[in-house]
């Protein structure tokens, strides 16, 4: 029988010293979750009649996905609410005038907010300007005086402007989706169907992933390098928009009229974006490693990389009538950037984070990209079976996608199994960007196949 002392002893419970997941949620977290549910309900009530069963499940699945992401990384809450509010304002402004198919898109040239800020084309142009500006401020930050926290105003402005660029990119994407449905009943589609739309997707995804790493590692120095690749993408986007009238919304070709596109393309571009991010971090790693190098011939590989970057525009220029001045400016800006980085490598290296941090960012970016690229490749096989009757046909795009996958699979294997680190892994990541770029746009330019609808 228990003694009186033992019967009155307090019950001991084992705790880990942290409140539960739900107990750690703030009021803002729950408001965010409620707004997601209400927003999905509104979208289903208004557009449910035109959604098939797959689109309905995608909408339903997006709620817990955004919910979890917003709780995991809190800045996404404000981003989601801000983008949603701006998009609804744009839709409301368009809906004040109607035509035979719904909202009258002529309002985009007549209503001040739409014409200058919230129409899809205006928002994407703002995205372009803001990403260029953020790149400039990030680079100014290398030469500005650091504050007590090791940061400076220029780097902070670069970060804030990058956030603003992501907001405008997402608003432009969602409003373009709405605009496509107002042209005609059979025109509307998610805006990831051509090079113009996917370059917008690539730009904001790459920037957003960088912003996560920036906050996670508490360093803004890498923004200067990562935003270079984003600015290069925006430069191509602006040329492509003018030279090909690519900003015009076009009907989908039959092969793209599938709900698989809504899953395959975004997953693919998470891979492309994170691979590009890893490559630019690798570039920063090599610049830091060569900071004290005085013998110019040992910098030859980096100079070669710069030459490739500078002359890349002339590949596109051959088909771009009337754009010689544009590409000359692009060439000049590229040459100035590469030359400036190598000339000022000592000052830049002083502000870059440690080799260990750079290596860790490189690894995590490639790991995330590889996971999503694998998912995208599997989804693409299912889509191919539906569209063309076979899971794999050794089409040039498929073949180069496999090459990209094998390249990063080998990189990860060598790191995890053989401890690959340092300059070799950085150069490999840069080569991976070249391979990925060819798979992305080179195949469309120089090879033909089932994916030829994406030709330049």
Foldseek 3Di string as FASTA:
>chain_A
DDDPVVVPDDDDDDDPPDDDPVVPDDPLLVVLLVVLVVVLVVCCVVCVVVDDPVVNVVSVVVSVVLSVVCSVPVVSSVLVVLLVVLLVVVVVQQQVDADPQGGDCVSCCVPVCNVQDQALVNLLVLLLVLLVQLLVLLVVFLVDDADPVRGDPSLVSSLVSLSSSLSSLSSSQSNVQVVQSRVDPQQHDRQLQALLSVLSVLLNLLSVVVSVLCVVVVASNLSNQSSVVSNVSSLVNVLCCVQVVVVDRDGHDVLPPDPLCVQLSSLLSLLLSLLSSLLSLLVLQVLLVCLPPDDVVVCVVLVVVLVCQLCVVVVVVVPRPPCPVSSVVSSVVSNCVSVVCNVCSNSSSVSDDDQVSSFVSSLVSLVSSLVSLVVSLQSCLVSCCVRPVGSDDVWVLNVLSVVLNVLSVVLNCCCVPVVDGDNVSNVSSNVSSVSVVCSVQVCCDPHDDPPVVRHD
